Amino acid sequence: MPRYFFHVIDGRDILDNEGTEFPNFRYVRAEAIRTAGAILHDEGDRFWNGTEWQMNVTDASGQSVLKLRFSADDQDIAPDRE
């Protein structure tokens, strides 16, 4: 089974050195979405400054096979900013 690595770049590089095996690319896409969603859920408040972060998924040879990009900006108009 092919192994894929999920690297996160958000001002610091968080490299996946272990990777995960998946039977096909549909599973790789689903895992990228699930993992990105978990990051946004757990650390979402950090991302509201407009800075882009990304997840770069590579194969075992280091070739990028998909990339997800995210940024969030509240436009400084939120009435209940704390």
N, C-alpha and C. Protein backbone atom coordinates (compact mmCIF):
# COMPACT_ATOMS: atom_id res chain seq x y z
N MET A 1 0.84 -1.18 0.00
CA MET A 1 0.00 0.00 0.00
C MET A 1 0.88 1.25 0.00
N PRO A 2 0.53 2.26 -0.78
CA PRO A 2 1.32 3.49 -0.81
C PRO A 2 1.24 4.26 0.51
N ARG A 3 2.33 4.92 0.84
CA ARG A 3 2.42 5.72 2.07
C ARG A 3 2.41 7.19 1.69
N TYR A 4 1.65 7.98 2.48
CA TYR A 4 1.53 9.42 2.25
C TYR A 4 1.86 10.17 3.52
N PHE A 5 2.38 11.38 3.35
CA PHE A 5 2.86 12.21 4.45
C PHE A 5 2.11 13.54 4.45
N PHE A 6 1.60 13.94 5.60
CA PHE A 6 0.75 15.12 5.74
C PHE A 6 1.54 16.20 6.49
N HIS A 7 2.08 17.14 5.74
CA HIS A 7 2.90 18.21 6.30
C HIS A 7 2.06 19.48 6.44
N VAL A 8 2.22 20.17 7.56
CA VAL A 8 1.48 21.41 7.81
C VAL A 8 2.48 22.56 7.88
N ILE A 9 2.20 23.60 7.12
CA ILE A 9 3.04 24.79 7.11
C ILE A 9 2.16 25.96 7.54
N ASP A 10 2.44 26.51 8.73
CA ASP A 10 1.62 27.60 9.26
C ASP A 10 2.50 28.63 9.99
N GLY A 11 3.59 28.99 9.38
CA GLY A 11 4.56 29.86 10.04
C GLY A 11 5.67 29.04 10.67
N ARG A 12 5.41 27.80 10.80
CA ARG A 12 6.41 26.81 11.23
C ARG A 12 6.11 25.56 10.41
N ASP A 13 7.09 24.74 10.20
CA ASP A 13 6.88 23.52 9.43
C ASP A 13 6.68 22.35 10.39
N ILE A 14 5.53 21.70 10.27
CA ILE A 14 5.26 20.51 11.07
C ILE A 14 5.27 19.35 10.08
N LEU A 15 6.37 18.60 10.09
CA LEU A 15 6.58 17.55 9.11
C LEU A 15 6.13 16.20 9.65
N ASP A 16 5.45 15.48 8.80
CA ASP A 16 5.01 14.12 9.11
C ASP A 16 6.12 13.18 8.64
N ASN A 17 6.88 12.68 9.58
CA ASN A 17 8.00 11.80 9.23
C ASN A 17 7.62 10.33 9.18
N GLU A 18 6.43 9.99 9.68
CA GLU A 18 6.00 8.59 9.68
C GLU A 18 5.15 8.24 8.48
N GLY A 19 4.22 9.12 8.15
CA GLY A 19 3.31 8.84 7.04
C GLY A 19 2.27 7.80 7.42
N THR A 20 1.35 7.60 6.52
CA THR A 20 0.26 6.64 6.71
C THR A 20 -0.01 5.95 5.38
N GLU A 21 -0.27 4.67 5.43
CA GLU A 21 -0.59 3.92 4.22
C GLU A 21 -2.09 3.98 3.94
N PHE A 22 -2.43 4.12 2.67
CA PHE A 22 -3.83 4.15 2.24
C PHE A 22 -4.00 3.28 1.01
N PRO A 23 -5.16 2.62 0.89
CA PRO A 23 -5.37 1.71 -0.23
C PRO A 23 -5.57 2.44 -1.56
N ASN A 24 -6.09 3.69 -1.52
CA ASN A 24 -6.25 4.46 -2.75
C ASN A 24 -6.32 5.95 -2.43
N PHE A 25 -6.29 6.75 -3.50
CA PHE A 25 -6.18 8.19 -3.33
C PHE A 25 -7.45 8.82 -2.73
N ARG A 26 -8.58 8.19 -2.89
CA ARG A 26 -9.81 8.70 -2.28
C ARG A 26 -9.66 8.76 -0.76
N TYR A 27 -9.01 7.77 -0.17
CA TYR A 27 -8.76 7.76 1.27
C TYR A 27 -7.78 8.86 1.68
N VAL A 28 -6.80 9.13 0.82
CA VAL A 28 -5.82 10.19 1.11
C VAL A 28 -6.53 11.53 1.17
N ARG A 29 -7.41 11.81 0.20
CA ARG A 29 -8.17 13.06 0.20
C ARG A 29 -9.03 13.18 1.44
N ALA A 30 -9.72 12.10 1.78
CA ALA A 30 -10.60 12.12 2.96
C ALA A 30 -9.80 12.38 4.23
N GLU A 31 -8.63 11.78 4.34
CA GLU A 31 -7.80 11.98 5.53
C GLU A 31 -7.28 13.40 5.60
N ALA A 32 -6.91 13.98 4.46
CA ALA A 32 -6.45 15.37 4.44
C ALA A 32 -7.56 16.30 4.94
N ILE A 33 -8.77 16.09 4.50
CA ILE A 33 -9.90 16.92 4.93
C ILE A 33 -10.19 16.70 6.41
N ARG A 34 -10.17 15.46 6.85
CA ARG A 34 -10.44 15.16 8.27
C ARG A 34 -9.37 15.80 9.16
N THR A 35 -8.11 15.65 8.78
CA THR A 35 -7.02 16.20 9.58
C THR A 35 -7.06 17.73 9.61
N ALA A 36 -7.29 18.35 8.46
CA ALA A 36 -7.39 19.81 8.41
C ALA A 36 -8.55 20.30 9.27
N GLY A 37 -9.68 19.59 9.22
CA GLY A 37 -10.83 19.96 10.05
C GLY A 37 -10.51 19.86 11.53
N ALA A 38 -9.79 18.84 11.92
CA ALA A 38 -9.40 18.68 13.33
C ALA A 38 -8.47 19.81 13.77
N ILE A 39 -7.55 20.20 12.89
CA ILE A 39 -6.64 21.31 13.22
C ILE A 39 -7.44 22.59 13.38
N LEU A 40 -8.34 22.88 12.45
CA LEU A 40 -9.17 24.08 12.55
C LEU A 40 -10.03 24.07 13.80
N HIS A 41 -10.56 22.92 14.15
CA HIS A 41 -11.38 22.81 15.35
C HIS A 41 -10.56 23.06 16.61
N ASP A 42 -9.39 22.43 16.68
CA ASP A 42 -8.57 22.50 17.89
C ASP A 42 -7.82 23.82 18.05
N GLU A 43 -7.42 24.42 16.94
CA GLU A 43 -6.58 25.62 17.00
C GLU A 43 -7.17 26.77 16.20
N GLY A 44 -8.46 26.75 15.95
CA GLY A 44 -9.10 27.70 15.06
C GLY A 44 -8.89 29.16 15.40
N ASP A 45 -8.87 29.52 16.66
CA ASP A 45 -8.71 30.92 17.03
C ASP A 45 -7.39 31.52 16.54
N ARG A 46 -6.37 30.70 16.39
CA ARG A 46 -5.07 31.19 15.91
C ARG A 46 -5.10 31.63 14.46
N PHE A 47 -6.04 31.12 13.68
CA PHE A 47 -6.02 31.33 12.24
C PHE A 47 -6.80 32.56 11.79
N TRP A 48 -7.41 33.30 12.70
CA TRP A 48 -8.23 34.45 12.33
C TRP A 48 -7.43 35.72 12.12
N ASN A 49 -6.19 35.60 11.73
CA ASN A 49 -5.36 36.79 11.50
C ASN A 49 -5.05 37.00 10.02
N GLY A 50 -5.66 36.21 9.15
CA GLY A 50 -5.47 36.37 7.71
C GLY A 50 -4.26 35.67 7.15
N THR A 51 -3.43 35.08 8.00
CA THR A 51 -2.24 34.37 7.53
C THR A 51 -2.64 33.03 6.94
N GLU A 52 -2.11 32.74 5.77
CA GLU A 52 -2.42 31.46 5.13
C GLU A 52 -1.63 30.32 5.78
N TRP A 53 -2.28 29.18 5.93
CA TRP A 53 -1.57 27.98 6.31
C TRP A 53 -1.96 26.91 5.31
N GLN A 54 -1.15 25.90 5.21
CA GLN A 54 -1.43 24.87 4.23
C GLN A 54 -1.03 23.49 4.71
N MET A 55 -1.66 22.52 4.11
CA MET A 55 -1.29 21.13 4.30
C MET A 55 -0.81 20.62 2.95
N ASN A 56 0.39 20.12 2.93
CA ASN A 56 0.97 19.57 1.72
C ASN A 56 1.11 18.07 1.92
N VAL A 57 0.44 17.30 1.09
CA VAL A 57 0.50 15.84 1.18
C VAL A 57 1.45 15.35 0.11
N THR A 58 2.43 14.56 0.54
CA THR A 58 3.42 14.03 -0.39
C THR A 58 3.38 12.51 -0.39
N ASP A 59 3.90 11.93 -1.47
CA ASP A 59 4.03 10.48 -1.52
C ASP A 59 5.39 10.08 -0.95
N ALA A 60 5.70 8.81 -0.99
CA ALA A 60 6.94 8.31 -0.38
C ALA A 60 8.19 8.87 -1.04
N SER A 61 8.09 9.31 -2.29
CA SER A 61 9.25 9.89 -2.98
C SER A 61 9.43 11.37 -2.67
N GLY A 62 8.47 11.96 -1.92
CA GLY A 62 8.53 13.38 -1.60
C GLY A 62 7.78 14.26 -2.57
N GLN A 63 7.16 13.65 -3.58
CA GLN A 63 6.40 14.39 -4.58
C GLN A 63 5.08 14.86 -3.97
N SER A 64 4.76 16.14 -4.12
CA SER A 64 3.50 16.68 -3.64
C SER A 64 2.36 16.11 -4.48
N VAL A 65 1.34 15.56 -3.80
CA VAL A 65 0.20 14.96 -4.51
C VAL A 65 -1.09 15.75 -4.31
N LEU A 66 -1.16 16.54 -3.24
CA LEU A 66 -2.27 17.46 -3.06
C LEU A 66 -1.91 18.49 -2.02
N LYS A 67 -2.59 19.63 -2.11
CA LYS A 67 -2.30 20.73 -1.19
C LYS A 67 -3.62 21.38 -0.82
N LEU A 68 -3.82 21.61 0.47
CA LEU A 68 -4.97 22.35 0.96
C LEU A 68 -4.45 23.66 1.53
N ARG A 69 -5.14 24.76 1.23
CA ARG A 69 -4.73 26.08 1.73
C ARG A 69 -5.89 26.70 2.47
N PHE A 70 -5.56 27.35 3.60
CA PHE A 70 -6.58 27.97 4.43
C PHE A 70 -6.11 29.32 4.92
N SER A 71 -7.05 30.24 5.05
CA SER A 71 -6.80 31.48 5.77
C SER A 71 -8.15 31.98 6.26
N ALA A 72 -8.13 32.75 7.31
CA ALA A 72 -9.37 33.29 7.88
C ALA A 72 -9.09 34.71 8.34
N ASP A 73 -10.05 35.57 8.12
CA ASP A 73 -9.91 36.97 8.49
C ASP A 73 -11.28 37.48 8.89
N ASP A 74 -11.40 38.02 10.10
CA ASP A 74 -12.71 38.49 10.57
C ASP A 74 -13.00 39.93 10.19
N GLN A 75 -12.15 40.55 9.37
CA GLN A 75 -12.35 41.89 8.84
C GLN A 75 -12.44 42.97 9.91
N ASP A 76 -12.06 42.67 11.13
CA ASP A 76 -12.06 43.64 12.23
C ASP A 76 -13.43 44.29 12.50
N ILE A 77 -14.51 43.59 12.20
CA ILE A 77 -15.83 44.17 12.44
C ILE A 77 -16.68 43.30 13.37
N ALA A 78 -16.11 42.26 13.90
CA ALA A 78 -16.88 41.40 14.81
C ALA A 78 -17.28 42.19 16.05
N PRO A 79 -18.58 42.23 16.39
CA PRO A 79 -19.06 43.06 17.49
C PRO A 79 -18.61 42.57 18.88
N ASP A 80 -18.32 41.32 19.02
CA ASP A 80 -17.98 40.78 20.34
C ASP A 80 -16.52 40.35 20.43
N ARG A 81 -15.64 41.06 19.77
CA ARG A 81 -14.20 40.73 19.81
C ARG A 81 -13.68 40.81 21.23
N GLU A 82 -12.89 39.82 21.58
CA GLU A 82 -12.29 39.81 22.92
C GLU A 82 -10.80 39.72 22.80
